[in-house]
PDB file of N, CA and C in Angstrom:
ATOM      1  N   MET A   1     197.009 -76.203  41.944  1.00  0.00           N
ATOM      2  CA  MET A   1     196.055 -76.419  41.501  1.00  0.00           C
ATOM      3  C   MET A   1     195.953 -74.900  40.821  1.00  0.00           C
ATOM      4  N   SER A   2     195.153 -74.533  39.566  1.00  0.00           N
ATOM      5  CA  SER A   2     195.359 -73.907  38.645  1.00  0.00           C
ATOM      6  C   SER A   2     194.120 -72.667  39.454  1.00  0.00           C
ATOM      7  N   VAL A   3     194.298 -71.613  38.824  1.00  0.00           N
ATOM      8  CA  VAL A   3     193.357 -70.614  39.062  1.00  0.00           C
ATOM      9  C   VAL A   3     191.817 -70.548  38.863  1.00  0.00           C
ATOM     10  N   GLU A   4     191.844 -71.422  37.356  1.00  0.00           N
ATOM     11  CA  GLU A   4     190.416 -71.988  37.406  1.00  0.00           C
ATOM     12  C   GLU A   4     189.868 -72.622  38.177  1.00  0.00           C
ATOM     13  N   ASP A   5     190.973 -73.604  38.610  1.00  0.00           N
ATOM     14  CA  ASP A   5     190.454 -74.848  39.821  1.00  0.00           C
ATOM     15  C   ASP A   5     190.098 -73.971  41.144  1.00  0.00           C
ATOM     16  N   LYS A   6     190.940 -73.223  41.348  1.00  0.00           N
ATOM     17  CA  LYS A   6     190.789 -72.207  42.992  1.00  0.00           C
ATOM     18  C   LYS A   6     189.503 -71.711  42.852  1.00  0.00           C
ATOM     19  N   TYR A   7     189.394 -71.184  41.655  1.00  0.00           N
ATOM     20  CA  TYR A   7     188.549 -70.242  41.446  1.00  0.00           C
ATOM     21  C   TYR A   7     186.865 -71.181  41.936  1.00  0.00           C
ATOM     22  N   LYS A   8     186.515 -72.177  40.816  1.00  0.00           N
ATOM     23  CA  LYS A   8     185.432 -72.776  40.694  1.00  0.00           C
ATOM     24  C   LYS A   8     185.170 -73.212  41.928  1.00  0.00           C
ATOM     25  N   GLU A   9     185.893 -73.707  42.996  1.00  0.00           N
ATOM     26  CA  GLU A   9     186.023 -74.054  44.196  1.00  0.00           C
ATOM     27  C   GLU A   9     185.599 -73.143  45.207  1.00  0.00           C
ATOM     28  N   ASN A  10     186.167 -72.100  45.207  1.00  0.00           N
ATOM     29  CA  ASN A  10     185.810 -70.891  46.439  1.00  0.00           C
ATOM     30  C   ASN A  10     185.038 -70.371  45.828  1.00  0.00           C
ATOM     31  N   ASN A  11     184.322 -70.392  44.166  1.00  0.00           N
ATOM     32  CA  ASN A  11     183.288 -70.568  43.440  1.00  0.00           C
ATOM     33  C   ASN A  11     181.580 -70.647  44.668  1.00  0.00           C
ATOM     34  N   ILE A  12     182.305 -72.560  43.970  1.00  0.00           N
ATOM     35  CA  ILE A  12     180.816 -73.209  45.147  1.00  0.00           C
ATOM     36  C   ILE A  12     180.517 -72.176  46.320  1.00  0.00           C
ATOM     37  N   LYS A  13     182.169 -72.247  47.163  1.00  0.00           N
ATOM     38  CA  LYS A  13     181.919 -72.157  48.635  1.00  0.00           C
ATOM     39  C   LYS A  13     181.332 -70.926  49.084  1.00  0.00           C
ATOM     40  N   ALA A  14     181.400 -69.473  48.058  1.00  0.00           N
ATOM     41  CA  ALA A  14     180.484 -68.109  48.075  1.00  0.00           C
ATOM     42  C   ALA A  14     178.958 -68.606  47.996  1.00  0.00           C
ATOM     43  N   GLN A  15     179.468 -69.395  46.884  1.00  0.00           N
ATOM     44  CA  GLN A  15     177.475 -69.333  46.589  1.00  0.00           C
ATOM     45  C   GLN A  15     176.956 -69.340  47.469  1.00  0.00           C
ATOM     46  N   GLN A  16     177.583 -70.792  48.476  1.00  0.00           N
ATOM     47  CA  GLN A  16     176.636 -71.227  49.537  1.00  0.00           C
ATOM     48  C   GLN A  16     176.651 -70.100  50.774  1.00  0.00           C
ATOM     49  N   LEU A  17     177.389 -69.635  50.563  1.00  0.00           N
ATOM     50  CA  LEU A  17     177.715 -68.170  51.814  1.00  0.00           C
ATOM     51  C   LEU A  17     176.417 -67.257  51.432  1.00  0.00           C
ATOM     52  N   VAL A  18     176.016 -67.062  50.361  1.00  0.00           N
ATOM     53  CA  VAL A  18     175.240 -66.497  50.133  1.00  0.00           C
ATOM     54  C   VAL A  18     173.721 -66.675  50.098  1.00  0.00           C
ATOM     55  N   ARG A  19     174.110 -67.726  50.180  1.00  0.00           N
ATOM     56  CA  ARG A  19     172.413 -68.902  50.357  1.00  0.00           C
ATOM     57  C   ARG A  19     171.867 -68.709  51.257  1.00  0.00           C
ATOM     58  N   ILE A  20     173.174 -69.111  52.704  1.00  0.00           N
ATOM     59  CA  ILE A  20     172.722 -68.757  53.889  1.00  0.00           C
ATOM     60  C   ILE A  20     172.243 -67.597  54.110  1.00  0.00           C
ATOM     61  N   GLU A  21     173.400 -66.571  53.204  1.00  0.00           N
ATOM     62  CA  GLU A  21     172.443 -64.927  54.554  1.00  0.00           C
ATOM     63  C   GLU A  21     171.812 -64.954  53.029  1.00  0.00           C
ATOM     64  N   ILE A  22     170.514 -64.810  52.161  1.00  0.00           N
ATOM     65  CA  ILE A  22     169.339 -64.601  51.538  1.00  0.00           C
ATOM     66  C   ILE A  22     168.492 -65.346  52.955  1.00  0.00           C
ATOM     67  N   GLU A  23     168.609 -66.559  53.314  1.00  0.00           N
ATOM     68  CA  GLU A  23     168.204 -67.171  54.425  1.00  0.00           C
ATOM     69  C   GLU A  23     168.226 -66.447  55.360  1.00  0.00           C
ATOM     70  N   LYS A  24     169.160 -65.831  56.105  1.00  0.00           N
ATOM     71  CA  LYS A  24     169.040 -64.618  57.668  1.00  0.00           C
ATOM     72  C   LYS A  24     168.311 -63.719  56.953  1.00  0.00           C
ATOM     73  N   VAL A  25     167.891 -63.123  55.908  1.00  0.00           N
ATOM     74  CA  VAL A  25     167.315 -62.195  55.675  1.00  0.00           C
ATOM     75  C   VAL A  25     166.069 -62.069  56.027  1.00  0.00           C
ATOM     76  N   LYS A  26     165.723 -63.357  54.991  1.00  0.00           N
ATOM     77  CA  LYS A  26     164.206 -63.718  55.108  1.00  0.00           C
ATOM     78  C   LYS A  26     163.886 -64.115  56.687  1.00  0.00           C
ATOM     79  N   MET A  27     164.567 -64.302  57.196  1.00  0.00           N
ATOM     80  CA  MET A  27     164.544 -64.759  58.601  1.00  0.00           C
ATOM     81  C   MET A  27     164.757 -63.509  59.880  1.00  0.00           C
ATOM     82  N   GLY A  28     164.912 -62.672  59.040  1.00  0.00           N
ATOM     83  CA  GLY A  28     165.606 -61.377  59.876  1.00  0.00           C
ATOM     84  C   GLY A  28     166.545 -61.289  60.732  1.00  0.00           C
ATOM     85  N   PHE A  29     167.421 -61.871  60.615  1.00  0.00           N
ATOM     86  CA  PHE A  29     168.863 -62.428  61.499  1.00  0.00           C
ATOM     87  C   PHE A  29     169.769 -60.719  60.449  1.00  0.00           C
ATOM     88  N   SER A  30     169.461 -60.340  58.404  1.00  0.00           N
ATOM     89  CA  SER A  30     171.060 -59.784  58.478  1.00  0.00           C
ATOM     90  C   SER A  30     169.273 -58.659  57.553  1.00  0.00           C
ATOM     91  N   LYS A  31     170.245 -57.915  57.474  1.00  0.00           N
ATOM     92  CA  LYS A  31     169.766 -56.461  56.932  1.00  0.00           C
ATOM     93  C   LYS A  31     170.099 -56.322  55.219  1.00  0.00           C
ATOM     94  N   LYS A  32     170.784 -57.037  55.314  1.00  0.00           N
ATOM     95  CA  LYS A  32     171.602 -57.106  53.693  1.00  0.00           C
ATOM     96  C   LYS A  32     169.909 -56.157  52.688  1.00  0.00           C
ATOM     97  N   SER A  33     170.660 -56.394  51.456  1.00  0.00           N
ATOM     98  CA  SER A  33     169.676 -56.025  50.287  1.00  0.00           C
ATOM     99  C   SER A  33     169.403 -57.561  49.832  1.00  0.00           C
ATOM    100  N   ILE A  34     168.132 -57.928  50.192  1.00  0.00           N
ATOM    101  CA  ILE A  34     168.423 -59.693  49.253  1.00  0.00           C
ATOM    102  C   ILE A  34     168.481 -59.608  47.665  1.00  0.00           C
ATOM    103  N   VAL A  35     167.868 -58.219  47.225  1.00  0.00           N
ATOM    104  CA  VAL A  35     168.415 -57.917  45.542  1.00  0.00           C
ATOM    105  C   VAL A  35     169.416 -57.860  45.205  1.00  0.00           C
ATOM    106  N   GLN A  36     170.397 -57.418  45.972  1.00  0.00           N
ATOM    107  CA  GLN A  36     171.850 -57.138  45.669  1.00  0.00           C
ATOM    108  C   GLN A  36     172.209 -59.100  46.010  1.00  0.00           C
ATOM    109  N   LEU A  37     172.015 -59.468  47.609  1.00  0.00           N
ATOM    110  CA  LEU A  37     172.393 -60.993  47.384  1.00  0.00           C
ATOM    111  C   LEU A  37     171.469 -61.853  46.000  1.00  0.00           C
ATOM    112  N   GLU A  38     170.696 -61.865  45.581  1.00  0.00           N
ATOM    113  CA  GLU A  38     170.264 -62.324  44.539  1.00  0.00           C
ATOM    114  C   GLU A  38     171.152 -62.339  43.437  1.00  0.00           C
ATOM    115  N   SER A  39     171.515 -61.059  42.776  1.00  0.00           N
ATOM    116  CA  SER A  39     172.065 -60.792  41.831  1.00  0.00           C
ATOM    117  C   SER A  39     173.607 -61.042  41.914  1.00  0.00           C
ATOM    118  N   ILE A  40     174.131 -60.646  43.301  1.00  0.00           N
ATOM    119  CA  ILE A  40     175.543 -61.506  43.310  1.00  0.00           C
ATOM    120  C   ILE A  40     175.129 -62.752  42.867  1.00  0.00           C
ATOM    121  N   LEU A  41     174.596 -64.198  44.016  1.00  0.00           N
ATOM    122  CA  LEU A  41     174.201 -65.012  43.197  1.00  0.00           C
ATOM    123  C   LEU A  41     173.853 -65.486  42.136  1.00  0.00           C
ATOM    124  N   ASN A  42     173.213 -64.824  41.399  1.00  0.00           N
ATOM    125  CA  ASN A  42     173.305 -64.610  39.730  1.00  0.00           C
ATOM    126  C   ASN A  42     174.997 -64.939  39.017  1.00  0.00           C
ATOM    127  N   GLU A  43     175.287 -63.722  39.691  1.00  0.00           N
ATOM    128  CA  GLU A  43     176.636 -62.866  39.324  1.00  0.00           C
ATOM    129  C   GLU A  43     177.745 -65.105  39.257  1.00  0.00           C
ATOM    130  N   LEU A  44     177.704 -64.836  40.550  1.00  0.00           N
ATOM    131  CA  LEU A  44     178.525 -65.818  40.677  1.00  0.00           C
ATOM    132  C   LEU A  44     178.438 -67.523  39.956  1.00  0.00           C
ATOM    133  N   GLU A  45     176.549 -67.940  39.877  1.00  0.00           N
ATOM    134  CA  GLU A  45     175.874 -69.073  39.016  1.00  0.00           C
ATOM    135  C   GLU A  45     176.890 -68.491  37.425  1.00  0.00           C
ATOM    136  N   LYS A  46     177.114 -67.823  36.789  1.00  0.00           N
ATOM    137  CA  LYS A  46     176.812 -67.190  35.440  1.00  0.00           C
ATOM    138  C   LYS A  46     178.615 -67.684  35.253  1.00  0.00           C
ATOM    139  N   THR A  47     179.180 -67.221  36.136  1.00  0.00           N
ATOM    140  CA  THR A  47     180.939 -67.077  35.715  1.00  0.00           C
ATOM    141  C   THR A  47     181.242 -68.104  35.439  1.00  0.00           C
ATOM    142  N   LEU A  48     181.019 -69.056  36.692  1.00  0.00           N
ATOM    143  CA  LEU A  48     181.474 -70.364  36.419  1.00  0.00           C
ATOM    144  C   LEU A  48     181.088 -70.965  35.529  1.00  0.00           C
ATOM    145  N   LYS A  49     180.017 -71.005  34.132  1.00  0.00           N
ATOM    146  CA  LYS A  49     179.735 -70.997  33.691  1.00  0.00           C
ATOM    147  C   LYS A  49     181.025 -70.855  32.556  1.00  0.00           C
ATOM    148  N   ARG A  50     181.391 -69.193  32.274  1.00  0.00           N
ATOM    149  CA  ARG A  50     181.919 -68.541  31.720  1.00  0.00           C
ATOM    150  C   ARG A  50     183.043 -67.717  31.787  1.00  0.00           C
ATOM    151  N   ASN A  51     183.732 -67.156  31.470  1.00  0.00           N
ATOM    152  CA  ASN A  51     184.958 -66.170  32.411  1.00  0.00           C
ATOM    153  C   ASN A  51     185.091 -65.258  31.890  1.00  0.00           C
ATOM    154  N   ASN A  52     184.782 -64.831  31.493  1.00  0.00           N
ATOM    155  CA  ASN A  52     184.614 -63.272  30.223  1.00  0.00           C
ATOM    156  C   ASN A  52     183.875 -62.133  30.894  1.00  0.00           C
ATOM    157  N   LEU A  53     183.022 -62.668  31.632  1.00  0.00           N
ATOM    158  CA  LEU A  53     182.254 -61.892  32.697  1.00  0.00           C
ATOM    159  C   LEU A  53     182.205 -60.312  32.509  1.00  0.00           C
ATOM    160  N   PRO A  54     182.042 -59.282  32.880  1.00  0.00           N
ATOM    161  CA  PRO A  54     181.975 -58.201  34.053  1.00  0.00           C
ATOM    162  C   PRO A  54     181.541 -57.997  34.796  1.00  0.00           C
ATOM    163  N   LEU A  55     182.416 -58.024  36.284  1.00  0.00           N
ATOM    164  CA  LEU A  55     181.500 -57.976  38.129  1.00  0.00           C
ATOM    165  C   LEU A  55     180.693 -56.723  38.062  1.00  0.00           C
ATOM    166  N   SER A  56     179.680 -56.971  38.791  1.00  0.00           N
ATOM    167  CA  SER A  56     179.408 -55.670  39.213  1.00  0.00           C
ATOM    168  C   SER A  56     178.640 -56.208  40.696  1.00  0.00           C
ATOM    169  N   TYR A  57     179.169 -57.034  40.880  1.00  0.00           N
ATOM    170  CA  TYR A  57     178.943 -57.260  42.656  1.00  0.00           C
ATOM    171  C   TYR A  57     180.065 -56.542  43.438  1.00  0.00           C
ATOM    172  N   PRO A  58     181.109 -56.525  42.822  1.00  0.00           N
ATOM    173  CA  PRO A  58     181.964 -55.727  44.013  1.00  0.00           C
ATOM    174  C   PRO A  58     181.727 -53.704  43.952  1.00  0.00           C
ATOM    175  N   ARG A  59     181.113 -53.683  43.276  1.00  0.00           N
ATOM    176  CA  ARG A  59     180.641 -52.415  43.105  1.00  0.00           C
ATOM    177  C   ARG A  59     179.155 -52.349  44.051  1.00  0.00           C
ATOM    178  N   PHE A  60     178.227 -52.974  44.444  1.00  0.00           N
ATOM    179  CA  PHE A  60     177.531 -52.813  45.493  1.00  0.00           C
ATOM    180  C   PHE A  60     177.902 -53.074  46.968  1.00  0.00           C
ATOM    181  N   ILE A  61     178.851 -54.392  47.241  1.00  0.00           N
ATOM    182  CA  ILE A  61     179.670 -54.514  48.410  1.00  0.00           C
ATOM    183  C   ILE A  61     180.401 -53.146  48.547  1.00  0.00           C
ATOM    184  N   VAL A  62     181.687 -52.895  48.403  1.00  0.00           N
ATOM    185  CA  VAL A  62     182.249 -51.379  48.017  1.00  0.00           C
ATOM    186  C   VAL A  62     181.349 -49.716  48.884  1.00  0.00           C
ATOM    187  N   ASP A  63     180.838 -49.949  47.806  1.00  0.00           N
ATOM    188  CA  ASP A  63     179.546 -48.593  48.110  1.00  0.00           C
ATOM    189  C   ASP A  63     178.399 -48.618  49.628  1.00  0.00           C
ATOM    190  N   SER A  64     178.140 -49.746  49.515  1.00  0.00           N
ATOM    191  CA  SER A  64     176.766 -50.373  50.647  1.00  0.00           C
ATOM    192  C   SER A  64     176.943 -51.078  51.885  1.00  0.00           C
ATOM    193  N   TRP A  65     177.821 -51.808  52.103  1.00  0.00           N
ATOM    194  CA  TRP A  65     178.265 -52.720  52.878  1.00  0.00           C
ATOM    195  C   TRP A  65     178.831 -52.274  53.679  1.00  0.00           C
ATOM    196  N   ASP A  66     179.546 -52.704  54.489  1.00  0.00           N
ATOM    197  CA  ASP A  66     180.695 -52.909  55.639  1.00  0.00           C
ATOM    198  C   ASP A  66     181.534 -53.202  55.728  1.00  0.00           C
ATOM    199  N   PHE A  67     182.740 -52.152  55.704  1.00  0.00           N
ATOM    200  CA  PHE A  67     183.906 -52.635  55.779  1.00  0.00           C
ATOM    201  C   PHE A  67     184.986 -53.661  55.829  1.00  0.00           C
ATOM    202  N   GLN A  68     183.904 -54.181  56.676  1.00  0.00           N
ATOM    203  CA  GLN A  68     184.834 -55.542  57.884  1.00  0.00           C
ATOM    204  C   GLN A  68     183.616 -57.061  57.557  1.00  0.00           C
ATOM    205  N   ASP A  69     182.568 -56.113  56.853  1.00  0.00           N
ATOM    206  CA  ASP A  69     181.197 -57.990  56.480  1.00  0.00           C
ATOM    207  C   ASP A  69     182.544 -59.077  56.292  1.00  0.00           C
ATOM    208  N   LYS A  70     182.360 -59.819  57.049  1.00  0.00           N
ATOM    209  CA  LYS A  70     183.065 -61.227  56.229  1.00  0.00           C
ATOM    210  C   LYS A  70     182.823 -61.804  55.054  1.00  0.00           C
ATOM    211  N   LEU A  71     181.198 -61.915  55.052  1.00  0.00           N
ATOM    212  CA  LEU A  71     181.078 -62.527  53.387  1.00  0.00           C
ATOM    213  C   LEU A  71     181.227 -60.995  52.322  1.00  0.00           C
ATOM    214  N   GLY A  72     181.133 -60.212  52.637  1.00  0.00           N
ATOM    215  CA  GLY A  72     181.366 -58.810  51.491  1.00  0.00           C
ATOM    216  C   GLY A  72     183.538 -58.647  51.188  1.00  0.00           C
ATOM    217  N   ILE A  73     184.454 -59.622  52.345  1.00  0.00           N
ATOM    218  CA  ILE A  73     185.602 -59.324  51.961  1.00  0.00           C
ATOM    219  C   ILE A  73     185.446 -60.717  51.130  1.00  0.00           C
ATOM    220  N   GLU A  74     184.882 -62.072  51.300  1.00  0.00           N
ATOM    221  CA  GLU A  74     185.211 -63.408  50.706  1.00  0.00           C
ATOM    222  C   GLU A  74     185.473 -62.883  49.298  1.00  0.00           C
ATOM    223  N   LEU A  75     183.496 -62.269  49.328  1.00  0.00           N
ATOM    224  CA  LEU A  75     183.221 -62.326  47.851  1.00  0.00           C
ATOM    225  C   LEU A  75     184.318 -60.991  47.306  1.00  0.00           C
ATOM    226  N   LEU A  76     184.960 -60.325  47.779  1.00  0.00           N
ATOM    227  CA  LEU A  76     185.789 -59.562  46.612  1.00  0.00           C
ATOM    228  C   LEU A  76     187.212 -60.341  46.441  1.00  0.00           C
ATOM    229  N   SER A  77     187.265 -60.906  47.460  1.00  0.00           N
ATOM    230  CA  SER A  77     188.605 -61.703  47.479  1.00  0.00           C
ATOM    231  C   SER A  77     188.309 -62.858  46.589  1.00  0.00           C
ATOM    232  N   LEU A  78     187.022 -62.917  45.563  1.00  0.00           N
ATOM    233  CA  LEU A  78     186.664 -63.838  44.737  1.00  0.00           C
ATOM    234  C   LEU A  78     186.861 -63.147  43.180  1.00  0.00           C
ATOM    235  N   ALA A  79     186.003 -61.873  43.443  1.00  0.00           N
ATOM    236  CA  ALA A  79     186.821 -60.700  42.427  1.00  0.00           C
ATOM    237  C   ALA A  79     187.692 -61.382  42.173  1.00  0.00           C
ATOM    238  N   GLU A  80     189.181 -60.522  43.177  1.00  0.00           N
ATOM    239  CA  GLU A  80     189.929 -60.860  42.833  1.00  0.00           C
ATOM    240  C   GLU A  80     190.790 -62.004  41.437  1.00  0.00           C
ATOM    241  N   LEU A  81     190.348 -63.159  42.459  1.00  0.00           N
ATOM    242  CA  LEU A  81     190.474 -64.192  41.636  1.00  0.00           C
ATOM    243  C   LEU A  81     190.042 -64.431  40.480  1.00  0.00           C
ATOM    244  N   TYR A  82     188.645 -63.746  40.365  1.00  0.00           N
ATOM    245  CA  TYR A  82     188.126 -64.090  38.964  1.00  0.00           C
ATOM    246  C   TYR A  82     189.206 -63.325  37.762  1.00  0.00           C
ATOM    247  N   GLU A  83     189.452 -61.903  38.449  1.00  0.00           N
ATOM    248  CA  GLU A  83     189.690 -61.067  37.503  1.00  0.00           C
ATOM    249  C   GLU A  83     191.420 -61.429  37.033  1.00  0.00           C
ATOM    250  N   ARG A  84     191.984 -62.493  37.835  1.00  0.00           N
ATOM    251  CA  ARG A  84     192.829 -63.222  36.926  1.00  0.00           C
ATOM    252  C   ARG A  84     193.463 -64.750  35.888  1.00  0.00           C
ATOM    253  N   TRP A  85     191.937 -65.569  36.995  1.00  0.00           N
ATOM    254  CA  TRP A  85     191.551 -66.239  35.996  1.00  0.00           C
ATOM    255  C   TRP A  85     191.280 -66.149  34.581  1.00  0.00           C
ATOM    256  N   LYS A  86     190.588 -65.020  34.568  1.00  0.00           N
ATOM    257  CA  LYS A  86     190.187 -64.478  32.459  1.00  0.00           C
ATOM    258  C   LYS A  86     191.055 -63.462  32.423  1.00  0.00           C
TER     259      LYS A  86
END
């Protein structure tokens, strides 16, 4: 599997995880910023179409999320894969 294919597959999975997290925030089960999550989702959607966009979401995660947050770890891994693809 190429880096591009792997990125796209993982991106789709990550988008679903972010959508789930947004729903958790709306129901009061998560304290993450809905604005950050929606921004992350937007970036993920855009990077499926174009591979030359700079990512800003890793900074949100590093600066304000818990170091061991599973979604954060997944998204940072995806950002690394994206950098290898572009």
